[in-house]
Protein backbone atom coordinates (compact mmCIF):
# COMPACT_ATOMS: atom_id res chain seq x y z
CA GLN A 1 111.14 36.24 30.06
CA VAL A 2 108.29 33.78 30.27
CA GLN A 3 107.07 32.46 33.42
CA LEU A 4 104.88 29.68 34.07
CA VAL A 5 103.12 29.52 37.39
CA GLU A 6 101.41 26.30 38.58
CA SER A 7 98.81 25.67 41.06
CA GLY A 8 96.55 22.87 42.00
CA GLY A 9 98.53 20.12 43.29
CA GLY A 10 98.21 18.40 46.63
CA LEU A 11 97.31 15.05 48.47
CA VAL A 12 94.42 13.09 47.32
CA GLN A 13 93.03 9.73 48.01
CA PRO A 14 92.80 7.03 45.24
CA GLY A 15 89.73 7.70 42.98
CA GLY A 16 89.84 11.40 43.95
CA SER A 17 90.29 14.44 41.51
CA LEU A 18 92.55 17.43 41.05
CA ARG A 19 92.84 20.30 38.74
CA LEU A 20 96.05 21.77 37.81
CA SER A 21 96.46 25.13 36.47
CA CYS A 22 99.23 26.87 34.65
CA ALA A 23 99.29 30.44 33.76
CA ALA A 24 102.12 31.90 31.34
CA SER A 25 103.16 35.57 31.71
CA GLY A 26 106.02 37.52 30.27
CA ARG A 27 106.93 38.90 26.92
CA ILE A 28 105.09 36.55 24.75
CA PHE A 29 101.33 37.31 24.70
CA ARG A 30 100.26 33.88 23.18
CA ILE A 31 101.80 30.58 23.19
CA ASP A 32 100.96 28.02 20.59
CA ARG A 33 101.81 24.66 22.46
CA MET A 34 101.26 23.81 26.10
CA GLY A 35 100.96 20.73 28.15
CA TRP A 36 101.77 18.98 31.15
CA PHE A 37 104.77 16.38 32.03
CA ARG A 38 105.32 14.47 35.02
CA GLN A 39 108.37 12.80 36.88
CA ALA A 40 108.41 10.57 39.59
CA PRO A 41 111.70 9.43 41.58
CA GLY A 42 113.68 6.88 39.52
CA LYS A 43 111.32 7.27 36.54
CA GLN A 44 111.81 9.05 33.32
CA ARG A 45 109.99 12.27 32.66
CA GLU A 46 106.89 11.52 30.57
CA LEU A 47 104.47 13.53 28.49
CA VAL A 48 100.97 13.46 30.18
CA ALA A 49 98.82 15.64 27.95
CA SER A 50 99.47 18.39 25.50
CA VAL A 51 97.55 20.65 23.37
CA MET A 52 98.69 21.60 19.95
CA PRO A 53 97.68 24.12 17.19
CA GLY A 54 94.28 23.43 15.98
CA ASP A 55 93.43 22.26 19.53
CA ILE A 56 94.80 18.99 18.92
CA THR A 57 95.23 16.99 22.09
CA ASN A 58 97.37 14.14 23.06
CA TYR A 59 97.37 11.96 26.06
CA ALA A 60 99.65 9.43 27.51
CA ASP A 61 98.10 5.89 27.43
CA SER A 62 98.15 5.57 31.17
CA VAL A 63 95.97 8.62 31.59
CA LYS A 64 93.52 8.38 28.69
CA GLY A 65 89.72 8.45 29.83
CA ARG A 66 90.74 9.88 33.13
CA PHE A 67 92.70 13.18 32.42
CA THR A 68 91.52 16.11 30.34
CA ILE A 69 93.62 19.02 28.99
CA SER A 70 92.23 22.20 28.15
CA ARG A 71 93.55 25.65 27.11
CA ASP A 72 92.53 29.25 27.24
CA ALA A 73 94.92 30.53 24.53
CA ALA A 74 94.01 34.33 24.92
CA LYS A 75 95.26 33.87 28.63
CA ASN A 76 97.94 31.57 27.83
CA THR A 77 96.65 29.36 30.51
CA VAL A 78 96.43 25.48 30.42
CA TYR A 79 94.55 23.18 32.73
CA LEU A 80 94.66 19.44 33.62
CA GLN A 81 91.57 17.88 35.09
CA MET A 82 92.71 14.75 36.80
CA ASN A 83 89.89 12.15 37.71
CA SER A 84 89.97 8.70 39.01
CA LEU A 85 93.48 9.25 40.41
CA LYS A 86 95.66 6.31 41.21
CA PRO A 87 98.80 6.03 43.36
CA GLU A 88 100.84 5.47 40.25
CA ASP A 89 99.87 9.13 39.30
CA THR A 90 102.00 10.39 42.15
CA ALA A 91 104.64 12.57 40.59
CA VAL A 92 105.78 16.15 40.25
CA TYR A 93 103.60 17.64 37.37
CA LEU A 94 105.57 20.27 35.26
CA CYS A 95 103.86 22.70 32.99
CA TRP A 96 105.38 23.11 29.54
CA ALA A 97 105.07 25.71 27.03
CA PHE A 98 106.58 26.33 23.66
CA SER A 99 107.15 29.69 21.74
CA ALA A 100 110.50 29.74 19.99
CA ARG A 101 111.99 27.83 22.82
CA ASN A 102 110.64 25.41 25.62
CA PHE A 103 109.51 26.89 28.85
CA TRP A 104 108.95 25.15 32.02
CA GLY A 105 107.24 25.58 35.40
CA GLN A 106 108.77 24.78 38.63
CA GLY A 107 106.37 21.82 39.32
CA THR A 108 103.79 20.98 41.54
CA GLN A 109 103.54 17.82 43.74
CA VAL A 110 100.65 15.45 43.16
CA THR A 111 100.37 12.62 45.79
CA VAL A 112 97.74 9.96 45.58
CA SER A 113 97.82 8.06 48.81
CA SER A 114 95.12 6.45 51.08
């Protein structure tokens, strides 16, 4: 099976930065699509950022200009650099990957608060 291991979440003040990492391991050596979703209590899960074949990236409007997704395809690792964090960014951030089917990480909590 494929496992996604996330790291980098935590508590940060508004305006601060965090860098999330997600490494995939298991039977599949390379995964063609990876990204990040987030879910806050009482809100729908939403796509934050993704990187697709051809290194095409996509961002939610709410994070454009503040977040940057990057990928090391050889290592099946995806990163999310989050700058200028706002309280509304508070959520559980879930790593996502696709290869034949969807895979999900357990989630890492990001809390933005003064």
